[in-house]
Amino acid sequence: MPSFVPNDRIPPNSPDLNSLEFYVWSILKERVNKHGLISSFARLAEILMAEWEAIPQQVISDAVDSWQSRVCQVEQAGGSHIE
């Protein structure tokens, strides 16, 4: 953790503070769902890899860069969920 956020101020396991959970997984889920019913694990793995590679790096970087502002929002919400 960055030194400007004391450990006792960080809510445990908050999806609002996980860059991948917060934004990137929802994009990946949407992209995978466009493939309809996937009949095998091998096909799912293939689709996941292809769709992950298709997400622009800038989207992932923007999600990571928004982390600090989400920390502030969660703190202002008293550790509760944020929208």
N, C-alpha and C. Protein backbone atom coordinates (compact mmCIF):
# COMPACT_ATOMS: atom_id res chain seq x y z
N MET A 1 0.83 -1.18 0.00
CA MET A 1 0.00 0.00 0.00
C MET A 1 0.88 1.25 0.00
N PRO A 2 0.41 2.28 -0.64
CA PRO A 2 1.15 3.54 -0.59
C PRO A 2 1.25 4.04 0.85
N SER A 3 2.31 4.72 1.15
CA SER A 3 2.55 5.17 2.52
C SER A 3 1.58 6.26 2.98
N PHE A 4 0.85 6.91 2.07
CA PHE A 4 -0.07 7.97 2.47
C PHE A 4 -1.41 7.45 2.97
N VAL A 5 -1.63 6.13 2.89
CA VAL A 5 -2.87 5.53 3.39
C VAL A 5 -2.50 4.54 4.50
N PRO A 6 -2.79 4.86 5.76
CA PRO A 6 -2.47 3.94 6.85
C PRO A 6 -3.25 2.63 6.70
N ASN A 7 -2.63 1.52 7.06
CA ASN A 7 -3.26 0.21 6.91
C ASN A 7 -4.60 0.11 7.64
N ASP A 8 -4.75 0.77 8.77
CA ASP A 8 -6.00 0.68 9.51
C ASP A 8 -7.14 1.48 8.86
N ARG A 9 -6.86 2.20 7.80
CA ARG A 9 -7.86 3.00 7.09
C ARG A 9 -8.33 2.32 5.81
N ILE A 10 -7.82 1.13 5.53
CA ILE A 10 -8.15 0.44 4.29
C ILE A 10 -9.18 -0.65 4.57
N PRO A 11 -10.38 -0.55 3.97
CA PRO A 11 -11.38 -1.60 4.20
C PRO A 11 -10.92 -2.92 3.58
N PRO A 12 -11.10 -4.02 4.27
CA PRO A 12 -10.65 -5.31 3.74
C PRO A 12 -11.52 -5.77 2.58
N ASN A 13 -10.88 -6.31 1.55
CA ASN A 13 -11.58 -6.96 0.44
C ASN A 13 -12.67 -6.12 -0.22
N SER A 14 -12.46 -4.84 -0.35
CA SER A 14 -13.46 -3.98 -0.96
C SER A 14 -13.35 -4.03 -2.48
N PRO A 15 -14.40 -4.48 -3.19
CA PRO A 15 -14.34 -4.48 -4.65
C PRO A 15 -14.24 -3.07 -5.22
N ASP A 16 -14.64 -2.06 -4.43
CA ASP A 16 -14.54 -0.68 -4.89
C ASP A 16 -13.09 -0.24 -5.00
N LEU A 17 -12.18 -0.95 -4.34
CA LEU A 17 -10.78 -0.55 -4.34
C LEU A 17 -9.92 -1.48 -5.18
N ASN A 18 -10.53 -2.44 -5.82
CA ASN A 18 -9.81 -3.37 -6.68
C ASN A 18 -10.04 -2.92 -8.12
N SER A 19 -8.97 -2.46 -8.75
CA SER A 19 -9.11 -1.90 -10.11
C SER A 19 -9.71 -2.89 -11.09
N LEU A 20 -9.31 -4.15 -10.99
CA LEU A 20 -9.87 -5.13 -11.91
C LEU A 20 -11.33 -5.40 -11.59
N GLU A 21 -11.65 -5.58 -10.33
CA GLU A 21 -13.03 -5.85 -9.93
C GLU A 21 -13.92 -4.67 -10.26
N PHE A 22 -13.43 -3.48 -10.01
CA PHE A 22 -14.23 -2.27 -10.17
C PHE A 22 -14.67 -2.04 -11.61
N TYR A 23 -13.80 -2.31 -12.56
CA TYR A 23 -14.11 -1.89 -13.93
C TYR A 23 -13.75 -2.92 -14.99
N VAL A 24 -12.55 -3.46 -14.91
CA VAL A 24 -12.05 -4.29 -16.01
C VAL A 24 -12.82 -5.60 -16.12
N TRP A 25 -13.15 -6.25 -14.98
CA TRP A 25 -13.88 -7.51 -15.08
C TRP A 25 -15.25 -7.31 -15.71
N SER A 26 -15.89 -6.18 -15.45
CA SER A 26 -17.20 -5.96 -16.06
C SER A 26 -17.08 -5.82 -17.57
N ILE A 27 -16.02 -5.21 -18.03
CA ILE A 27 -15.79 -5.10 -19.48
C ILE A 27 -15.55 -6.48 -20.07
N LEU A 28 -14.69 -7.26 -19.40
CA LEU A 28 -14.39 -8.61 -19.89
C LEU A 28 -15.65 -9.47 -19.90
N LYS A 29 -16.44 -9.39 -18.85
CA LYS A 29 -17.69 -10.16 -18.78
C LYS A 29 -18.61 -9.80 -19.94
N GLU A 30 -18.77 -8.50 -20.20
CA GLU A 30 -19.62 -8.05 -21.30
C GLU A 30 -19.12 -8.60 -22.64
N ARG A 31 -17.82 -8.57 -22.84
CA ARG A 31 -17.24 -9.04 -24.10
C ARG A 31 -17.43 -10.55 -24.26
N VAL A 32 -17.26 -11.30 -23.17
CA VAL A 32 -17.42 -12.76 -23.21
C VAL A 32 -18.88 -13.12 -23.43
N ASN A 33 -19.78 -12.40 -22.78
CA ASN A 33 -21.21 -12.70 -22.93
C ASN A 33 -21.71 -12.54 -24.35
N LYS A 34 -21.05 -11.74 -25.15
CA LYS A 34 -21.45 -11.56 -26.55
C LYS A 34 -21.26 -12.84 -27.36
N HIS A 35 -20.52 -13.80 -26.82
CA HIS A 35 -20.29 -15.07 -27.52
C HIS A 35 -21.41 -16.07 -27.30
N GLY A 36 -22.39 -15.71 -26.47
CA GLY A 36 -23.51 -16.61 -26.22
C GLY A 36 -23.09 -17.78 -25.35
N LEU A 37 -23.82 -18.87 -25.46
CA LEU A 37 -23.54 -20.07 -24.67
C LEU A 37 -22.21 -20.67 -25.10
N ILE A 38 -21.35 -20.88 -24.14
CA ILE A 38 -20.02 -21.45 -24.41
C ILE A 38 -20.06 -22.88 -23.91
N SER A 39 -19.80 -23.83 -24.80
CA SER A 39 -20.06 -25.24 -24.51
C SER A 39 -18.92 -26.01 -23.85
N SER A 40 -17.75 -25.41 -23.76
CA SER A 40 -16.64 -26.16 -23.14
C SER A 40 -15.68 -25.22 -22.43
N PHE A 41 -14.97 -25.79 -21.48
CA PHE A 41 -13.98 -25.01 -20.76
C PHE A 41 -12.87 -24.53 -21.69
N ALA A 42 -12.46 -25.40 -22.61
CA ALA A 42 -11.40 -25.02 -23.57
C ALA A 42 -11.83 -23.82 -24.40
N ARG A 43 -13.07 -23.82 -24.85
CA ARG A 43 -13.58 -22.68 -25.65
C ARG A 43 -13.65 -21.43 -24.79
N LEU A 44 -14.10 -21.57 -23.53
CA LEU A 44 -14.15 -20.43 -22.62
C LEU A 44 -12.75 -19.84 -22.42
N ALA A 45 -11.78 -20.70 -22.20
CA ALA A 45 -10.40 -20.23 -22.01
C ALA A 45 -9.91 -19.50 -23.25
N GLU A 46 -10.23 -20.01 -24.40
CA GLU A 46 -9.82 -19.39 -25.67
C GLU A 46 -10.45 -18.00 -25.82
N ILE A 47 -11.75 -17.92 -25.53
CA ILE A 47 -12.47 -16.64 -25.63
C ILE A 47 -11.93 -15.64 -24.61
N LEU A 48 -11.73 -16.09 -23.38
CA LEU A 48 -11.20 -15.20 -22.35
C LEU A 48 -9.85 -14.61 -22.74
N MET A 49 -8.98 -15.45 -23.24
CA MET A 49 -7.66 -14.97 -23.65
C MET A 49 -7.77 -13.95 -24.78
N ALA A 50 -8.58 -14.26 -25.77
CA ALA A 50 -8.73 -13.36 -26.92
C ALA A 50 -9.36 -12.02 -26.50
N GLU A 51 -10.40 -12.09 -25.67
CA GLU A 51 -11.07 -10.87 -25.26
C GLU A 51 -10.20 -10.04 -24.30
N TRP A 52 -9.44 -10.71 -23.44
CA TRP A 52 -8.51 -9.98 -22.56
C TRP A 52 -7.50 -9.21 -23.40
N GLU A 53 -6.95 -9.86 -24.40
CA GLU A 53 -5.96 -9.22 -25.28
C GLU A 53 -6.58 -8.07 -26.07
N ALA A 54 -7.89 -8.13 -26.32
CA ALA A 54 -8.56 -7.09 -27.12
C ALA A 54 -8.89 -5.83 -26.31
N ILE A 55 -8.83 -5.93 -24.98
CA ILE A 55 -9.09 -4.74 -24.16
C ILE A 55 -7.88 -3.83 -24.28
N PRO A 56 -8.09 -2.59 -24.69
CA PRO A 56 -6.95 -1.67 -24.84
C PRO A 56 -6.23 -1.43 -23.51
N GLN A 57 -4.91 -1.39 -23.58
CA GLN A 57 -4.11 -1.14 -22.38
C GLN A 57 -4.51 0.15 -21.69
N GLN A 58 -4.93 1.14 -22.45
CA GLN A 58 -5.33 2.42 -21.85
C GLN A 58 -6.52 2.24 -20.91
N VAL A 59 -7.45 1.35 -21.25
CA VAL A 59 -8.60 1.08 -20.39
C VAL A 59 -8.13 0.53 -19.04
N ILE A 60 -7.20 -0.40 -19.07
CA ILE A 60 -6.66 -0.99 -17.85
C ILE A 60 -5.88 0.06 -17.07
N SER A 61 -5.09 0.84 -17.74
CA SER A 61 -4.31 1.90 -17.08
C SER A 61 -5.23 2.93 -16.42
N ASP A 62 -6.30 3.30 -17.10
CA ASP A 62 -7.25 4.27 -16.53
C ASP A 62 -7.92 3.70 -15.28
N ALA A 63 -8.24 2.41 -15.28
CA ALA A 63 -8.84 1.78 -14.11
C ALA A 63 -7.88 1.82 -12.93
N VAL A 64 -6.62 1.52 -13.18
CA VAL A 64 -5.61 1.56 -12.12
C VAL A 64 -5.41 2.99 -11.63
N ASP A 65 -5.38 3.94 -12.55
CA ASP A 65 -5.16 5.34 -12.18
C ASP A 65 -6.30 5.92 -11.34
N SER A 66 -7.49 5.36 -11.44
CA SER A 66 -8.62 5.89 -10.69
C SER A 66 -8.65 5.37 -9.25
N TRP A 67 -7.71 4.52 -8.88
CA TRP A 67 -7.70 3.89 -7.56
C TRP A 67 -7.69 4.91 -6.43
N GLN A 68 -6.83 5.91 -6.48
CA GLN A 68 -6.71 6.86 -5.38
C GLN A 68 -8.01 7.62 -5.14
N SER A 69 -8.71 8.01 -6.20
CA SER A 69 -9.97 8.73 -6.00
C SER A 69 -11.02 7.81 -5.39
N ARG A 70 -11.01 6.51 -5.73
CA ARG A 70 -11.96 5.57 -5.12
C ARG A 70 -11.65 5.38 -3.64
N VAL A 71 -10.35 5.38 -3.28
CA VAL A 71 -9.99 5.29 -1.86
C VAL A 71 -10.60 6.46 -1.10
N CYS A 72 -10.50 7.65 -1.64
CA CYS A 72 -11.08 8.83 -0.99
C CYS A 72 -12.59 8.72 -0.89
N GLN A 73 -13.25 8.22 -1.93
CA GLN A 73 -14.71 8.08 -1.91
C GLN A 73 -15.15 7.06 -0.86
N VAL A 74 -14.44 5.95 -0.77
CA VAL A 74 -14.77 4.93 0.23
C VAL A 74 -14.56 5.49 1.63
N GLU A 75 -13.48 6.25 1.81
CA GLU A 75 -13.22 6.86 3.12
C GLU A 75 -14.34 7.83 3.48
N GLN A 76 -14.77 8.66 2.53
CA GLN A 76 -15.86 9.61 2.79
C GLN A 76 -17.17 8.89 3.09
N ALA A 77 -17.33 7.68 2.53
CA ALA A 77 -18.54 6.89 2.77
C ALA A 77 -18.43 6.06 4.04
N GLY A 78 -17.38 6.29 4.81
CA GLY A 78 -17.20 5.57 6.06
C GLY A 78 -16.91 4.09 5.86
N GLY A 79 -16.30 3.76 4.74
CA GLY A 79 -15.96 2.37 4.45
C GLY A 79 -17.07 1.62 3.72
N SER A 80 -18.16 2.28 3.46
CA SER A 80 -19.30 1.63 2.78
C SER A 80 -19.07 1.59 1.27
N HIS A 81 -19.96 0.86 0.61
CA HIS A 81 -19.94 0.74 -0.85
C HIS A 81 -20.14 2.10 -1.50
N ILE A 82 -19.47 2.34 -2.62
CA ILE A 82 -19.64 3.56 -3.38
C ILE A 82 -20.22 3.22 -4.75
N GLU A 83 -20.83 4.17 -5.38
CA GLU A 83 -21.38 3.98 -6.74
C GLU A 83 -20.44 4.55 -7.75
